[in-house]
Protein backbone atom coordinates (compact mmCIF):
# COMPACT_ATOMS: atom_id res chain seq x y z
CA MET A 1 0.00 0.00 0.00
CA THR A 2 2.84 2.37 0.87
CA ARG A 3 4.40 1.65 -2.51
CA ILE A 4 1.17 2.56 -4.30
CA PHE A 5 0.91 5.85 -2.39
CA ALA A 6 4.52 6.65 -3.24
CA ILE A 7 3.91 5.97 -6.93
CA ALA A 8 0.74 8.07 -6.88
CA ALA A 9 2.66 10.94 -5.29
CA GLY A 10 5.33 10.60 -7.94
CA GLY A 11 2.68 10.74 -10.65
CA ALA A 12 1.22 13.90 -9.14
CA LEU A 13 4.67 15.52 -9.17
CA ILE A 14 5.15 14.52 -12.79
CA ALA A 15 1.81 16.10 -13.70
CA VAL A 16 2.81 19.36 -11.98
CA LEU A 17 6.23 19.45 -13.64
CA GLY A 18 4.68 18.59 -16.99
CA GLY A 19 2.23 21.44 -16.57
CA ILE A 20 5.03 23.90 -15.84
CA TYR A 21 6.90 22.65 -18.91
CA LEU A 22 3.94 23.00 -21.23
CA ILE A 23 3.01 26.43 -19.95
CA THR A 24 6.56 27.70 -20.21
CA ALA A 25 7.06 26.19 -23.65
CA GLY A 26 3.86 27.73 -24.86
CA ARG A 27 4.24 31.30 -23.67
CA GLY A 28 3.31 33.82 -26.32
CA GLY A 29 0.28 35.50 -27.85
CA GLY A 30 -3.21 34.10 -27.66
CA GLY A 31 -3.99 34.70 -31.33
CA GLU A 32 -7.22 33.39 -32.79
CA PHE A 33 -8.31 31.61 -29.61
CA ALA A 34 -7.15 34.17 -27.03
CA GLU A 35 -10.60 34.55 -25.49
CA CYS A 36 -10.91 30.79 -24.98
CA ARG A 37 -7.55 30.04 -23.39
CA SER A 38 -6.93 29.52 -19.70
CA THR A 39 -3.32 28.38 -20.29
CA ALA A 40 -0.42 30.23 -21.87
CA VAL A 41 -0.15 28.05 -24.96
CA ALA A 42 0.35 30.18 -28.03
CA ASP A 43 -1.23 29.62 -31.42
CA GLY A 44 0.89 27.06 -33.19
CA GLY A 45 0.76 24.81 -30.13
CA ALA A 46 4.36 25.32 -28.97
CA SER A 47 5.30 22.37 -31.22
CA ILE A 48 2.84 20.13 -29.37
CA GLY A 49 1.15 17.49 -31.49
CA GLY A 50 2.10 16.01 -34.80
CA ASP A 51 1.82 12.93 -36.96
CA PHE A 52 1.56 9.47 -35.44
CA THR A 53 0.76 5.93 -36.49
CA LEU A 54 -1.02 3.64 -34.03
CA VAL A 55 -3.32 0.62 -33.92
CA ASP A 56 -7.05 0.98 -33.30
CA GLU A 57 -9.44 -1.25 -31.38
CA THR A 58 -9.97 -3.54 -34.35
CA GLY A 59 -6.26 -4.13 -34.86
CA LYS A 60 -6.08 -1.83 -37.88
CA THR A 61 -3.08 0.47 -38.29
CA VAL A 62 -4.25 4.08 -38.49
CA THR A 63 -2.56 7.45 -38.92
CA SER A 64 -3.20 10.73 -37.13
CA ALA A 65 -4.59 12.13 -40.39
CA GLU A 66 -7.26 9.43 -40.37
CA VAL A 67 -8.01 9.67 -36.66
CA LEU A 68 -8.06 13.44 -36.16
CA ASP A 69 -10.73 14.10 -38.77
CA GLN A 70 -12.90 16.14 -36.38
CA PRO A 71 -12.39 18.06 -33.12
CA ALA A 72 -10.86 15.61 -30.66
CA LEU A 73 -10.09 15.26 -26.97
CA ILE A 74 -6.96 13.11 -26.59
CA TYR A 75 -5.87 11.44 -23.36
CA PHE A 76 -2.78 9.30 -22.81
CA GLY A 77 -3.25 6.65 -20.11
CA TYR A 78 -3.58 2.92 -19.53
CA THR A 79 -6.47 0.57 -18.82
CA PHE A 80 -4.90 -1.04 -15.72
CA CYS A 81 -4.65 2.39 -14.06
CA PRO A 82 -6.31 2.03 -10.62
CA ASP A 83 -7.79 5.50 -10.23
CA VAL A 84 -6.54 8.51 -12.21
CA CYS A 85 -7.19 7.30 -15.77
CA PRO A 86 -10.76 6.04 -15.25
CA LEU A 87 -11.71 9.32 -13.58
CA ASP A 88 -10.09 11.48 -16.25
CA VAL A 89 -11.48 9.48 -19.15
CA ALA A 90 -14.96 9.44 -17.60
CA ARG A 91 -14.72 13.22 -17.25
CA ASN A 92 -13.80 13.51 -20.93
CA ALA A 93 -16.75 11.28 -21.81
CA GLU A 94 -19.05 13.50 -19.76
CA ALA A 95 -17.81 16.62 -21.55
CA THR A 96 -18.37 14.86 -24.87
CA GLU A 97 -21.96 14.06 -23.90
CA ILE A 98 -22.64 17.64 -22.78
CA LEU A 99 -21.29 19.00 -26.05
CA GLU A 100 -23.23 16.47 -28.09
CA ALA A 101 -26.46 17.52 -26.39
CA ARG A 102 -25.73 21.05 -27.66
CA GLY A 103 -25.10 19.82 -31.19
CA GLU A 104 -21.32 20.14 -30.91
CA ILE A 105 -19.46 16.96 -31.79
CA VAL A 106 -16.00 16.07 -30.54
CA LYS A 107 -14.24 12.72 -30.73
CA PRO A 108 -12.95 11.35 -27.41
CA ILE A 109 -9.67 9.46 -27.93
CA PHE A 110 -7.78 7.25 -25.48
CA ILE A 111 -4.16 6.42 -26.33
CA SER A 112 -2.57 3.68 -24.26
CA ILE A 113 0.94 4.17 -22.93
CA ASP A 114 1.04 0.54 -21.78
CA PRO A 115 1.18 -1.43 -25.06
CA GLU A 116 2.51 -4.55 -23.34
CA ARG A 117 -0.85 -5.16 -21.63
CA ASP A 118 -3.22 -2.96 -23.61
CA THR A 119 -3.99 -5.02 -26.68
CA PRO A 120 -6.63 -3.71 -29.10
CA GLU A 121 -9.21 -5.99 -27.44
CA VAL A 122 -8.40 -4.74 -23.95
CA VAL A 123 -8.52 -1.12 -25.08
CA ALA A 124 -11.85 -1.74 -26.82
CA ASP A 125 -13.41 -3.08 -23.62
CA PHE A 126 -12.19 -0.01 -21.71
CA THR A 127 -13.38 2.62 -24.19
CA ASP A 128 -16.70 0.87 -24.85
CA ALA A 129 -17.44 1.14 -21.14
CA MET A 130 -16.61 4.84 -21.16
CA HIS A 131 -18.38 6.19 -24.24
CA PRO A 132 -19.82 4.56 -27.39
CA ARG A 133 -17.88 6.92 -29.65
CA MET A 134 -14.59 6.85 -27.77
CA LEU A 135 -11.72 5.66 -29.95
CA GLY A 136 -9.05 3.56 -28.29
CA LEU A 137 -5.54 3.39 -29.72
CA THR A 138 -2.50 1.32 -28.84
CA GLY A 139 0.43 0.03 -30.87
CA SER A 140 3.97 -1.16 -30.66
CA PRO A 141 6.21 0.35 -27.96
CA GLU A 142 7.92 2.37 -30.68
CA GLN A 143 4.64 3.70 -32.09
CA VAL A 144 3.35 4.65 -28.65
CA LYS A 145 6.62 6.36 -27.75
CA ALA A 146 6.51 8.42 -30.95
CA ALA A 147 2.92 9.55 -30.30
CA SER A 148 3.76 10.42 -26.70
CA LYS A 149 6.80 12.40 -27.80
CA ALA A 150 4.72 14.35 -30.31
CA TYR A 151 2.38 15.50 -27.54
CA ARG A 152 5.16 15.97 -24.98
CA THR A 153 3.69 13.49 -22.54
CA PHE A 154 5.61 11.47 -20.00
CA TYR A 155 5.22 7.85 -18.92
CA LYS A 156 7.37 5.33 -17.12
CA ALA A 157 6.42 1.81 -16.07
CA HIS A 158 7.55 0.61 -12.66
CA GLU A 159 9.34 -2.67 -12.30
CA PRO A 160 6.82 -5.33 -11.18
CA GLU A 161 7.41 -7.18 -7.96
CA GLU A 162 8.56 -10.76 -8.25
CA GLY A 163 5.66 -13.08 -8.97
CA GLU A 164 3.41 -10.17 -10.01
CA GLU A 165 4.75 -9.44 -13.47
CA ASP A 166 1.30 -8.53 -14.80
CA TYR A 167 0.59 -6.09 -11.97
CA TYR A 168 2.58 -2.89 -12.22
CA LEU A 169 1.77 0.79 -12.25
CA VAL A 170 2.81 3.38 -14.80
CA ASP A 171 3.64 6.99 -13.95
CA HIS A 172 2.30 9.33 -16.61
CA SER A 173 1.21 12.87 -17.30
CA THR A 174 -2.51 13.53 -17.09
CA PHE A 175 -3.40 16.26 -19.56
CA THR A 176 -6.20 16.11 -22.10
CA TYR A 177 -5.40 17.68 -25.47
CA LEU A 178 -7.85 19.45 -27.76
CA THR A 179 -7.10 19.26 -31.48
CA LEU A 180 -9.00 20.80 -34.38
CA PRO A 181 -8.91 19.66 -38.03
CA GLY A 182 -6.58 21.83 -40.07
CA ARG A 183 -5.12 23.42 -36.96
CA GLY A 184 -3.89 20.52 -34.86
CA PHE A 185 -3.29 21.04 -31.15
CA VAL A 186 -4.89 24.20 -29.71
CA GLU A 187 -5.19 23.67 -25.96
CA PHE A 188 -4.60 21.28 -23.07
CA PHE A 189 -6.78 20.74 -20.01
CA ARG A 190 -5.75 19.74 -16.51
CA ARG A 191 -7.52 17.04 -14.58
CA ASP A 192 -9.05 19.39 -12.01
CA LEU A 193 -11.68 20.56 -14.51
CA THR A 194 -15.19 19.11 -14.30
CA GLY A 195 -16.95 17.75 -17.36
CA GLU A 196 -19.12 20.86 -17.52
CA GLN A 197 -16.12 23.18 -17.29
CA MET A 198 -14.29 21.29 -20.01
CA ALA A 199 -17.35 21.36 -22.24
CA GLU A 200 -17.61 25.13 -21.86
CA LYS A 201 -13.97 25.63 -22.79
CA VAL A 202 -14.14 23.27 -25.77
CA SER A 203 -17.31 24.97 -26.97
CA CYS A 204 -15.50 28.30 -27.01
CA PHE A 205 -12.80 26.88 -29.29
CA LEU A 206 -15.36 25.30 -31.58
CA ASN A 207 -17.27 28.55 -31.95
CA ALA A 208 -14.10 30.58 -32.43
CA SER A 209 -12.91 28.31 -35.22
């Protein structure tokens, strides 16, 4: 139990440091979406985002161009996550539902950073339980690493204890990224936002674009 608390604390520190890094890297003008932003990310996304190739829930290899064909909320996590990921992904699903009720469609996307355990079938079970339109993506370790690097996320698996090789935790950053077709990354959201708050912020970007 102590080990789990220590890992959770480490993950919280990583999220804070990651937030400082993103905010610092993105300092600049607000541009087109200035009225919508609550972070200091400049237009152009501070080089956040980019092309990736992953594997979807059916086992099909897909590219970012195919996946990001509409406004999207992207979260990097893993299905064996005991607490943070389910809460964050459920929040993203809630925001998606709120927006959909208003006639504003976004695609919720879950990208696994634990490809060793998160097969397409496992990811499908997880996303299906969260939202019927949520797209789950996984891939080879190399593909996942490239996607994570593009979005400046962090993850690190802990060494499993002897005899429990299938039971290990993964430290990772906890931001949700908003992308828009033709523009790419435009904003990131921290995990302290509610579904309603996230929906309001996303709606601002959609209307501004």
